[in-house]
Amino acid sequence: LAKRCHGTHIECLSQDITPVASHYQLNHYDIPFLDPEAHRISVRGLVDQELSLSLKDVRGRPSTTQAVLLACAGTGRMSIKNR
């Protein structure tokens, strides 16, 4: 598993794609066990059509790959004087 609560490894800055083991990961709570046969994901709210998807449904949908930038929302907080 990836390390918890760490910044970017300096060695990763020269790479276009971050290795999986170096992904930023922060878990405030335990990771729940989900029964893949029974668990469903609901998409509701401001959508044209509500969905209820099983894990099999999600895995059966087309996948895409995109290069994106993720940053911790706390990055830069140390520079804020009035915290």
Protein backbone atom coordinates (compact mmCIF):
# COMPACT_ATOMS: atom_id res chain seq x y z
CA LEU A 1 0.00 0.00 0.00
CA ALA A 2 1.02 3.58 -0.50
CA LYS A 3 2.42 5.55 2.42
CA ARG A 4 -0.12 7.65 4.27
CA CYS A 5 -0.03 11.46 4.54
CA HIS A 6 3.15 12.14 2.63
CA GLY A 7 4.07 14.68 0.01
CA THR A 8 5.45 13.92 -3.41
CA HIS A 9 8.64 11.87 -3.49
CA ILE A 10 11.39 14.03 -4.96
CA GLU A 11 12.32 11.15 -7.29
CA CYS A 12 8.83 11.29 -8.87
CA LEU A 13 9.11 14.91 -10.00
CA SER A 14 11.06 13.89 -13.10
CA GLN A 15 8.38 11.40 -14.21
CA ASP A 16 5.28 12.21 -16.26
CA ILE A 17 3.20 9.55 -14.49
CA THR A 18 3.37 8.93 -10.72
CA PRO A 19 3.97 5.28 -9.81
CA VAL A 20 1.01 3.70 -8.00
CA ALA A 21 2.93 3.24 -4.74
CA SER A 22 3.64 6.99 -4.64
CA HIS A 23 0.04 8.21 -5.02
CA TYR A 24 -1.14 10.61 -2.35
CA GLN A 25 -3.37 8.79 0.11
CA LEU A 26 -5.05 10.08 3.26
CA ASN A 27 -7.65 8.01 5.11
CA HIS A 28 -9.37 9.56 8.11
CA TYR A 29 -11.44 6.45 8.80
CA ASP A 30 -11.20 2.69 8.47
CA ILE A 31 -11.63 1.32 4.96
CA PRO A 32 -14.91 -0.62 4.95
CA PHE A 33 -15.29 -4.16 3.66
CA LEU A 34 -17.78 -4.18 0.80
CA ASP A 35 -19.47 -7.28 -0.54
CA PRO A 36 -18.85 -6.92 -4.31
CA GLU A 37 -21.98 -8.94 -5.10
CA ALA A 38 -24.32 -6.80 -2.96
CA HIS A 39 -22.77 -3.31 -2.95
CA ARG A 40 -24.34 -0.69 -5.22
CA ILE A 41 -23.34 2.85 -6.15
CA SER A 42 -26.13 5.41 -6.52
CA VAL A 43 -25.88 8.47 -8.77
CA ARG A 44 -28.57 10.96 -7.76
CA GLY A 45 -29.24 14.66 -7.53
CA LEU A 46 -28.72 17.09 -10.40
CA VAL A 47 -28.52 14.43 -13.08
CA ASP A 48 -30.78 13.73 -16.04
CA GLN A 49 -31.26 10.10 -15.03
CA GLU A 50 -30.56 8.54 -11.64
CA LEU A 51 -28.50 5.35 -11.64
CA SER A 52 -27.94 2.43 -9.30
CA LEU A 53 -24.88 0.47 -10.38
CA SER A 54 -23.37 -2.78 -9.18
CA LEU A 55 -19.60 -3.31 -9.19
CA LYS A 56 -20.09 -5.52 -12.25
CA ASP A 57 -21.97 -2.66 -13.97
CA VAL A 58 -19.16 -0.21 -13.19
CA ARG A 59 -16.45 -2.56 -14.43
CA GLY A 60 -18.44 -3.22 -17.60
CA ARG A 61 -18.53 0.44 -18.60
CA PRO A 62 -15.96 1.82 -21.04
CA SER A 63 -12.76 3.04 -19.42
CA THR A 64 -10.61 6.02 -20.31
CA THR A 65 -7.13 7.09 -19.33
CA GLN A 66 -6.29 10.73 -18.70
CA ALA A 67 -3.23 12.45 -17.32
CA VAL A 68 -4.48 14.69 -14.50
CA LEU A 69 -2.99 16.67 -11.64
CA LEU A 70 -4.17 15.95 -8.10
CA ALA A 71 -3.13 18.17 -5.22
CA CYS A 72 -3.87 18.02 -1.51
CA ALA A 73 -6.35 20.70 -0.41
CA GLY A 74 -4.01 21.42 2.50
CA THR A 75 -1.02 22.23 0.34
CA GLY A 76 0.12 25.75 1.20
CA ARG A 77 -1.73 26.06 4.52
CA MET A 78 1.54 26.54 6.39
CA SER A 79 1.94 29.91 4.65
CA ILE A 80 -1.40 31.19 6.01
CA LYS A 81 -0.71 33.49 8.98
CA ASN A 82 -4.22 33.63 10.53
CA ARG A 83 -5.17 29.98 10.83
